[in-house]
Protein backbone atom coordinates (compact mmCIF):
# COMPACT_ATOMS: atom_id res chain seq x y z
CA MET A 1 24.06 -5.38 4.30
CA SER A 2 27.00 -7.80 4.33
CA ASP A 3 28.84 -8.65 1.11
CA SER A 4 27.40 -12.17 1.12
CA LYS A 5 23.83 -10.87 1.49
CA LYS A 6 24.41 -8.30 -1.27
CA GLN A 7 25.62 -11.03 -3.59
CA ALA A 8 22.70 -13.27 -2.66
CA ALA A 9 20.31 -10.46 -3.55
CA LEU A 10 22.03 -9.84 -6.87
CA ASP A 11 22.08 -13.56 -7.68
CA TYR A 12 18.38 -13.85 -6.88
CA HIS A 13 17.54 -11.20 -9.46
CA ALA A 14 20.04 -12.38 -12.08
CA LYS A 15 19.92 -16.20 -12.04
CA PRO A 16 18.97 -18.46 -13.69
CA ILE A 17 17.07 -15.93 -15.86
CA PRO A 18 17.43 -12.16 -15.38
CA GLY A 19 14.39 -10.57 -13.79
CA LYS A 20 11.50 -11.92 -11.74
CA LEU A 21 8.55 -12.05 -14.15
CA SER A 22 7.66 -13.82 -17.39
CA ILE A 23 4.61 -13.94 -19.67
CA GLU A 24 2.53 -17.09 -19.83
CA VAL A 25 0.25 -18.32 -22.61
CA THR A 26 -3.29 -19.09 -21.44
CA LYS A 27 -4.72 -20.71 -24.60
CA PRO A 28 -3.65 -23.78 -26.60
CA THR A 29 -1.16 -23.05 -29.41
CA VAL A 30 -0.36 -26.58 -30.59
CA THR A 31 -2.08 -26.74 -33.98
CA SER A 32 -2.43 -24.45 -36.96
CA LYS A 33 -6.09 -24.02 -36.03
CA HIS A 34 -5.06 -22.71 -32.63
CA LEU A 35 -2.71 -20.19 -34.22
CA ALA A 36 -5.40 -19.07 -36.64
CA LEU A 37 -7.67 -18.39 -33.69
CA ALA A 38 -4.98 -16.70 -31.60
CA TYR A 39 -3.97 -14.36 -34.40
CA SER A 40 -5.10 -13.80 -37.96
CA PRO A 41 -7.81 -14.39 -39.06
CA GLY A 42 -9.60 -15.40 -35.82
CA VAL A 43 -8.43 -12.42 -33.81
CA ALA A 44 -10.49 -10.14 -36.04
CA GLU A 45 -13.73 -11.26 -34.36
CA PRO A 46 -12.96 -9.91 -30.85
CA VAL A 47 -11.50 -6.80 -32.50
CA ARG A 48 -14.88 -6.11 -34.11
CA GLU A 49 -16.74 -6.78 -30.87
CA ILE A 50 -14.52 -4.40 -28.91
CA ALA A 51 -14.94 -1.74 -31.59
CA LYS A 52 -18.72 -2.05 -31.15
CA ASP A 53 -18.51 -1.84 -27.34
CA PRO A 54 -15.25 -1.09 -25.47
CA GLU A 55 -16.55 -3.03 -22.46
CA ASN A 56 -16.01 -6.19 -24.52
CA ALA A 57 -12.27 -5.74 -23.92
CA TYR A 58 -12.95 -7.21 -20.47
CA LEU A 59 -14.51 -10.27 -22.12
CA TYR A 60 -12.02 -10.98 -24.87
CA THR A 61 -8.67 -9.76 -23.44
CA GLY A 62 -6.77 -9.88 -20.16
CA LYS A 63 -7.48 -6.21 -19.38
CA GLY A 64 -9.70 -6.99 -16.39
CA ASN A 65 -6.94 -8.81 -14.52
CA LEU A 66 -4.02 -6.63 -15.58
CA VAL A 67 -2.40 -3.87 -13.51
CA ALA A 68 0.35 -1.50 -14.61
CA VAL A 69 3.01 -0.81 -11.99
CA ILE A 70 4.40 2.57 -13.03
CA SER A 71 7.21 4.77 -11.73
CA ASN A 72 9.47 7.60 -12.77
CA GLY A 73 12.13 6.49 -10.30
CA SER A 74 12.13 9.77 -8.40
CA ALA A 75 11.83 8.20 -4.92
CA ILE A 76 13.04 4.60 -5.07
CA LEU A 77 12.62 2.94 -1.67
CA GLY A 78 14.88 4.92 0.65
CA LEU A 79 17.49 5.40 -2.07
CA GLY A 80 16.15 8.62 -3.58
CA ASN A 81 15.92 9.82 -7.17
CA LEU A 82 17.94 7.27 -9.15
CA GLY A 83 15.92 7.44 -12.34
CA PRO A 84 13.28 5.28 -14.00
CA LEU A 85 15.48 2.41 -15.17
CA ALA A 86 16.92 1.89 -11.69
CA SER A 87 13.35 1.50 -10.39
CA LYS A 88 12.69 -1.52 -12.63
CA PRO A 89 13.73 -4.21 -10.10
CA VAL A 90 11.31 -2.70 -7.58
CA MET A 91 8.47 -2.47 -10.09
CA GLU A 92 9.09 -6.07 -11.19
CA GLY A 93 9.04 -7.07 -7.53
CA LYS A 94 5.69 -5.36 -7.08
CA GLY A 95 4.42 -7.38 -10.05
CA VAL A 96 5.59 -10.59 -8.36
CA LEU A 97 3.60 -9.71 -5.25
CA PHE A 98 0.45 -8.94 -7.26
CA LYS A 99 0.66 -12.37 -8.88
CA ARG A 100 1.75 -14.31 -5.79
CA PHE A 101 -0.85 -12.96 -3.39
CA ALA A 102 -3.86 -12.08 -5.56
CA GLY A 103 -3.41 -13.77 -8.93
CA ILE A 104 -3.24 -10.40 -10.71
CA ASN A 105 -1.10 -10.05 -13.80
CA ALA A 106 1.13 -6.99 -13.61
CA ILE A 107 3.44 -5.25 -16.07
CA ASP A 108 6.08 -2.81 -14.88
CA ILE A 109 6.45 0.45 -16.81
CA GLU A 110 9.26 2.92 -16.15
CA VAL A 111 8.60 6.40 -17.55
CA ASP A 112 11.47 8.77 -18.37
CA SER A 113 9.57 12.04 -18.12
CA GLU A 114 10.89 15.58 -18.01
CA SER A 115 8.00 16.88 -15.89
CA PRO A 116 4.98 15.70 -13.87
CA GLN A 117 2.72 16.73 -16.73
CA ALA A 118 4.70 14.64 -19.22
CA PHE A 119 4.38 11.66 -16.87
CA ILE A 120 0.63 12.26 -16.52
CA ASP A 121 0.15 12.49 -20.27
CA THR A 122 2.15 9.33 -20.92
CA VAL A 123 0.28 7.24 -18.39
CA ALA A 124 -3.13 8.60 -19.37
CA ARG A 125 -2.54 7.65 -23.02
CA ILE A 126 -1.80 4.01 -22.20
CA ALA A 127 -4.30 3.58 -19.37
CA ASP A 128 -6.98 1.82 -21.44
CA THR A 129 -4.64 -1.16 -21.80
CA PHE A 130 -5.07 -2.00 -18.12
CA GLY A 131 -7.70 -2.73 -15.50
CA GLY A 132 -5.87 -0.63 -12.90
CA ILE A 133 -2.75 1.47 -12.33
CA ASN A 134 -0.42 1.18 -9.32
CA LEU A 135 1.83 4.22 -9.04
CA GLU A 136 5.05 3.64 -7.15
CA ASP A 137 8.21 5.40 -5.95
CA ILE A 138 7.27 8.91 -7.09
CA LYS A 139 8.52 11.76 -4.92
CA ALA A 140 6.35 14.22 -3.02
CA PRO A 141 4.77 16.64 -3.66
CA GLU A 142 4.62 15.73 -7.36
CA CYS A 143 3.01 12.39 -6.50
CA PHE A 144 -0.13 14.16 -5.23
CA GLU A 145 -0.55 16.13 -8.44
CA ILE A 146 0.15 13.08 -10.60
CA GLU A 147 -2.29 10.80 -8.82
CA GLN A 148 -5.10 13.35 -8.75
CA ALA A 149 -4.71 14.21 -12.43
CA LEU A 150 -4.68 10.56 -13.46
CA LYS A 151 -7.73 9.78 -11.33
CA GLU A 152 -9.57 12.54 -13.18
CA ARG A 153 -8.43 11.44 -16.63
CA CYS A 154 -8.66 7.65 -16.29
CA SER A 155 -11.76 5.48 -15.99
CA ILE A 156 -9.89 2.74 -14.10
CA PRO A 157 -8.54 2.67 -10.52
CA VAL A 158 -5.36 4.70 -9.99
CA PHE A 159 -3.66 4.03 -6.67
CA HIS A 160 -0.37 5.42 -5.35
CA ASP A 161 0.64 2.62 -3.02
CA ASP A 162 3.39 4.52 -1.23
CA GLN A 163 0.63 6.80 0.03
CA HIS A 164 -2.45 4.70 0.49
CA GLY A 165 -1.08 1.19 1.00
CA THR A 166 1.09 2.39 3.85
CA ALA A 167 -1.81 4.38 5.28
CA ILE A 168 -4.23 1.43 5.19
CA VAL A 169 -1.91 -1.03 6.94
CA THR A 170 -0.80 1.62 9.44
CA ALA A 171 -4.38 2.58 10.29
CA ALA A 172 -5.39 -1.06 10.82
CA GLY A 173 -2.50 -1.72 13.17
CA LEU A 174 -2.94 1.57 14.97
CA LEU A 175 -6.62 0.97 15.66
CA ASN A 176 -5.75 -2.41 17.16
CA ALA A 177 -2.85 -1.03 19.19
CA LEU A 178 -5.03 1.71 20.66
CA SER A 179 -7.69 -0.86 21.52
CA ILE A 180 -5.12 -2.97 23.37
CA ALA A 181 -3.96 0.17 25.18
CA GLY A 182 -7.54 0.88 26.25
CA LYS A 183 -7.68 4.07 24.21
CA HIS A 184 -9.96 5.45 21.49
CA ILE A 185 -8.71 7.01 18.27
CA GLU A 186 -11.11 9.92 18.69
CA GLU A 187 -9.24 10.97 21.84
CA ALA A 188 -5.68 9.92 20.98
CA ARG A 189 -2.94 12.53 20.65
CA ILE A 190 -0.98 11.58 17.52
CA VAL A 191 2.47 12.86 16.57
CA CYS A 192 3.67 12.17 13.03
CA LEU A 193 7.35 12.64 12.28
CA GLY A 194 7.58 13.00 8.51
CA ALA A 195 5.54 14.98 6.00
CA GLY A 196 6.02 13.11 2.75
CA SER A 197 3.44 11.25 0.71
CA ALA A 198 3.02 8.31 3.10
CA ALA A 199 2.80 10.52 6.19
CA ILE A 200 0.19 12.82 4.69
CA ALA A 201 -1.86 9.87 3.43
CA CYS A 202 -1.66 8.22 6.86
CA MET A 203 -2.91 11.30 8.64
CA LYS A 204 -5.77 11.80 6.18
CA LEU A 205 -6.88 8.18 6.47
CA LEU A 206 -6.64 8.24 10.26
CA ILE A 207 -9.04 11.19 10.22
CA ALA A 208 -11.39 9.14 8.01
CA CYS A 209 -11.14 6.41 10.67
CA GLY A 210 -12.13 8.75 13.49
CA ALA A 211 -9.01 10.64 14.58
CA ARG A 212 -9.43 14.37 15.20
CA ALA A 213 -7.26 16.82 13.32
CA GLU A 214 -6.93 19.01 16.42
CA ASN A 215 -5.25 16.09 18.21
CA MET A 216 -2.59 15.67 15.50
CA THR A 217 0.86 17.21 15.23
CA MET A 218 2.98 16.73 12.11
CA LEU A 219 6.70 17.51 11.85
CA ASP A 220 8.98 17.82 8.85
CA SER A 221 12.75 18.36 8.74
CA LYS A 222 12.28 21.92 9.99
CA GLY A 223 10.16 21.01 13.01
CA VAL A 224 6.49 21.25 13.89
CA ILE A 225 4.18 22.21 11.04
CA HIS A 226 2.35 25.18 12.52
CA SER A 227 0.21 27.97 11.15
CA GLY A 228 2.98 30.56 11.53
CA ARG A 229 5.20 28.94 8.90
CA ALA A 230 5.36 30.48 5.44
CA ASP A 231 7.30 27.64 3.80
CA LEU A 232 4.54 25.02 3.60
CA ASN A 233 3.23 23.45 0.40
CA PRO A 234 -0.56 23.01 0.22
CA TYR A 235 -0.34 19.38 1.34
CA LYS A 236 1.62 20.14 4.50
CA ALA A 237 -0.49 23.23 5.16
CA MET A 238 -3.56 21.02 5.65
CA PHE A 239 -1.98 19.86 8.92
CA ALA A 240 -0.71 23.19 10.22
CA THR A 241 -1.98 23.89 13.73
CA GLU A 242 -2.06 26.82 16.13
CA THR A 243 0.57 25.73 18.65
CA GLU A 244 3.60 26.89 20.57
CA GLN A 245 5.28 23.51 19.98
CA ARG A 246 8.32 23.69 17.70
CA THR A 247 10.34 20.49 18.23
CA LEU A 248 9.72 16.76 18.48
CA SER A 249 10.48 16.94 22.20
CA ASP A 250 7.74 19.55 22.57
CA ALA A 251 5.21 17.55 20.58
CA ILE A 252 5.91 14.08 21.96
CA ASP A 253 5.38 15.02 25.61
CA GLY A 254 2.16 13.30 26.70
CA ALA A 255 1.36 11.94 23.22
CA ASP A 256 -0.45 8.61 22.86
CA VAL A 257 0.90 7.75 19.40
CA PHE A 258 4.19 8.30 17.60
CA LEU A 259 4.06 7.63 13.86
CA GLY A 260 7.46 7.77 12.19
CA LEU A 261 7.77 7.99 8.41
CA SER A 262 11.03 9.86 8.29
CA GLY A 263 14.53 8.51 8.98
CA PRO A 264 16.61 6.40 11.35
CA ASN A 265 17.20 7.10 15.04
CA LEU A 266 15.19 10.32 15.24
CA LEU A 267 13.17 9.35 18.34
CA SER A 268 15.26 9.02 21.48
CA ALA A 269 14.60 6.84 24.50
CA GLU A 270 14.32 10.01 26.59
CA GLN A 271 11.59 11.36 24.30
CA LEU A 272 9.73 8.04 24.38
CA LYS A 273 9.75 8.16 28.19
CA THR A 274 7.71 11.40 28.09
CA MET A 275 4.83 9.84 26.17
CA ALA A 276 1.53 8.89 27.81
CA ALA A 277 0.91 5.52 29.45
CA THR A 278 0.99 2.52 27.08
CA PRO A 279 2.41 4.51 24.17
CA VAL A 280 1.95 3.30 20.62
CA VAL A 281 5.06 3.67 18.46
CA PHE A 282 5.05 2.99 14.74
CA ALA A 283 8.68 3.53 13.65
CA CYS A 284 8.39 2.79 9.96
CA SER A 285 11.64 4.13 8.53
CA ASN A 286 13.19 1.14 6.77
CA PRO A 287 15.52 -0.63 7.24
CA ASP A 288 16.56 1.50 10.22
CA PRO A 289 13.57 2.73 12.25
CA GLU A 290 13.19 6.04 14.08
CA ILE A 291 13.86 4.10 17.27
CA HIS A 292 15.11 0.53 17.41
CA PRO A 293 12.63 -1.89 19.04
CA ASP A 294 15.22 -3.03 21.56
CA VAL A 295 15.86 0.57 22.62
CA ALA A 296 12.13 1.30 22.82
CA HIS A 297 11.32 -1.73 24.97
CA ALA A 298 14.26 -1.01 27.25
CA ALA A 299 12.95 2.52 27.79
CA ARG A 300 9.28 1.57 28.23
CA ASP A 301 8.01 -1.88 29.13
CA ASP A 302 4.48 -0.77 28.24
CA VAL A 303 5.22 0.36 24.67
CA ILE A 304 3.30 -1.22 21.75
CA MET A 305 5.73 -1.20 18.86
CA ALA A 306 5.54 -1.65 15.08
CA THR A 307 8.21 -1.20 12.41
CA GLY A 308 8.69 -1.78 8.71
CA ARG A 309 11.05 -4.69 9.41
CA SER A 310 10.25 -8.36 8.97
CA ASP A 311 12.58 -9.47 11.78
CA TYR A 312 10.47 -7.86 14.52
CA PRO A 313 6.80 -8.28 15.41
CA ASN A 314 4.11 -6.07 13.89
CA GLN A 315 5.60 -5.35 10.48
CA VAL A 316 3.86 -2.56 8.57
CA ASN A 317 4.01 -4.22 5.16
CA ASN A 318 2.15 -2.89 2.13
CA VAL A 319 1.73 -6.40 0.75
CA LEU A 320 -1.06 -6.77 3.32
CA GLY A 321 -3.01 -4.24 1.29
CA PHE A 322 -2.42 -3.52 -2.37
CA PRO A 323 -2.84 -7.02 -3.92
CA PHE A 324 -6.19 -7.54 -2.22
CA ILE A 325 -7.38 -3.96 -2.69
CA PHE A 326 -6.83 -4.24 -6.43
CA ARG A 327 -8.36 -7.74 -6.44
CA GLY A 328 -11.56 -6.38 -4.94
CA ALA A 329 -11.58 -3.34 -7.20
CA LEU A 330 -11.01 -5.39 -10.37
CA ASP A 331 -13.64 -7.97 -9.47
CA VAL A 332 -16.42 -5.36 -9.46
CA ARG A 333 -14.78 -3.34 -12.25
CA ALA A 334 -14.49 -0.27 -10.04
CA SER A 335 -13.76 3.08 -11.66
CA GLU A 336 -11.66 4.18 -8.68
CA ILE A 337 -10.36 3.18 -5.28
CA ASN A 338 -12.18 5.65 -3.08
CA GLU A 339 -12.08 6.52 0.61
CA ASP A 340 -14.85 4.06 1.48
CA MET A 341 -12.88 1.23 -0.10
CA LYS A 342 -9.72 2.19 1.79
CA VAL A 343 -11.56 2.34 5.11
CA ALA A 344 -13.15 -1.05 4.36
CA ALA A 345 -9.66 -2.50 3.83
CA VAL A 346 -8.52 -0.98 7.13
CA HIS A 347 -11.32 -2.65 9.08
CA ALA A 348 -10.91 -5.98 7.28
CA LEU A 349 -7.23 -6.07 8.29
CA LYS A 350 -8.02 -4.88 11.80
CA ASP A 351 -10.67 -7.54 12.32
CA LEU A 352 -8.60 -10.37 10.86
CA ALA A 353 -5.82 -9.73 13.38
CA ARG A 354 -8.32 -10.35 16.18
CA GLU A 355 -9.23 -13.83 14.93
CA PRO A 356 -7.39 -17.01 15.95
CA VAL A 357 -4.33 -17.55 13.78
CA THR A 358 -4.46 -20.63 11.55
CA GLN A 359 -1.96 -23.48 11.81
CA ASP A 360 -0.69 -22.73 8.28
CA VAL A 361 0.44 -19.29 9.42
CA LEU A 362 2.10 -20.67 12.55
CA ASP A 363 3.94 -23.24 10.45
CA ALA A 364 5.05 -20.62 7.92
CA TYR A 365 6.60 -18.50 10.67
CA GLU A 366 7.82 -21.46 12.71
CA VAL A 367 6.11 -20.33 15.91
CA GLU A 368 3.87 -22.19 18.31
CA SER A 369 1.34 -19.41 18.81
CA LEU A 370 0.30 -15.93 17.72
CA GLU A 371 -2.43 -14.18 19.63
CA PHE A 372 -3.96 -10.73 19.36
CA GLY A 373 -2.01 -8.50 21.69
CA PRO A 374 0.97 -6.12 21.82
CA GLY A 375 3.12 -8.51 19.76
CA TYR A 376 0.48 -9.21 17.13
CA ILE A 377 -1.63 -6.26 16.00
CA ILE A 378 -1.44 -6.75 12.22
CA PRO A 379 -2.02 -9.95 10.20
CA THR A 380 1.02 -11.59 8.63
CA PRO A 381 1.49 -11.44 4.84
CA LEU A 382 1.31 -15.25 4.56
CA ASP A 383 -2.20 -15.45 6.05
CA ALA A 384 -4.23 -16.97 3.21
CA ARG A 385 -7.43 -15.42 4.59
CA LEU A 386 -6.33 -11.97 3.44
CA LEU A 387 -7.47 -12.75 -0.11
CA ASP A 388 -11.03 -13.39 1.01
CA ARG A 389 -11.38 -10.84 3.76
CA VAL A 390 -9.77 -7.75 2.28
CA SER A 391 -10.81 -8.32 -1.33
CA SER A 392 -14.43 -8.94 -0.45
CA ALA A 393 -14.57 -5.94 1.89
CA VAL A 394 -13.15 -3.67 -0.80
CA ALA A 395 -15.46 -5.08 -3.48
CA GLN A 396 -18.52 -4.60 -1.26
CA ALA A 397 -17.48 -1.04 -0.41
CA ALA A 398 -17.07 -0.29 -4.11
CA VAL A 399 -20.60 -1.54 -4.76
CA ASP A 400 -22.07 0.34 -1.81
CA SER A 401 -20.31 3.61 -2.66
CA GLY A 402 -21.22 3.54 -6.35
CA ALA A 403 -17.66 3.01 -7.63
CA ALA A 404 -18.43 -0.46 -9.01
CA THR A 405 -19.78 -1.08 -12.49
CA LYS A 406 -20.50 -4.75 -11.80
CA PRO A 407 -22.45 -6.33 -8.92
CA PHE A 408 -20.74 -8.00 -6.00
CA PRO A 409 -19.33 -11.27 -7.39
CA ALA A 410 -21.22 -14.46 -6.66
CA HIS A 411 -17.92 -16.34 -6.29
CA TYR A 412 -16.90 -14.68 -3.02
CA PRO A 413 -15.43 -15.81 -0.74
CA LEU A 414 -12.56 -16.76 -3.02
CA LYS A 415 -11.20 -20.27 -2.90
CA ARG A 416 -8.84 -19.94 -5.82
CA ILE A 417 -8.03 -17.26 -8.37
CA GLU A 418 -9.82 -19.12 -11.16
CA ASP A 419 -13.04 -18.43 -9.28
CA VAL A 420 -12.67 -14.77 -10.31
CA TYR A 421 -13.84 -15.76 -13.78
CA ALA A 422 -16.61 -18.12 -12.71
CA SER A 423 -19.36 -15.51 -12.69
């Protein structure tokens, strides 16, 4: 990043007020009567009602529309383990996206914990404050242990977005790309370069969407994950296969799909040329992908390409998922975000990309047209229909799967966030 862009980024976060979030007051506070209702003595009445029935916290407080964005700073973006305080700008940014795209209030919490168990205990003890918990920027494999333990201990949705948000958006785009290529996910040979939290979550969700484990090859920094290796943690071991393949060049030959969640410039043009006809390449290392789009298109004019970058078509962007997934989960007071809800989000995103793009979206991106095809396989983050389509699909899946504790809201499809409280 150039010096001018670095300074612009710093100025954005620092001026005119440090940070990106503030707290707003939702009730009148003009008169002494207002203050007596807001605090003592009036506040005692909802206190008593919540003590009688904890569910009343959803009626008398903001719990039902409040998400905690929590990190220990052990895997901040692509910057590594820089500690919890350094993660705060990212967690604040996540809160901005929750509010901007789904009207959800979010508070960032950075936990300085000496162990995964200490982190788990800290988060579990404060969980009742919130309607949901978004875990973020926690390194693998600890993130798997932390998420699973918190899901077991908490009665509200716990969602590690680095895993599942990436997986949901990737799966939606991949299903569309394969359809354009005239292929079926059940038959596609998939190579995944990377074996961290996002990669493992992607592979698991792709299986839930129809991919076959025997058609998948995963690689880490040491090469192909195969059954002869003795250095695999339990999460990688789930994807170990009986194979003679040892390198990316071995695995990529004849593959239909390359999924990169690793590092820059790790897929060469020569390797891409050995893939099957109409290859699908998701090079999601950010900001520098596993293969640059210009290099990929120069090597193969039939490639369908996605990256994590906003300056190229088909951006795999988690903001397409997590605000609307939590919106749907909160609206039916779900106890978890389960596999059915994730798959519902995948298909909602997939289907939306196949619909005609609205003029508002075209105007926002200053383009004359966007049509379903190799250059448009995933909806854009500024498509206002995401709020209706993804949230309602997730809410319905929560109801159908038994995760919801409230019926499907009468106010769907959403027209505005205030409608959340209309029923």
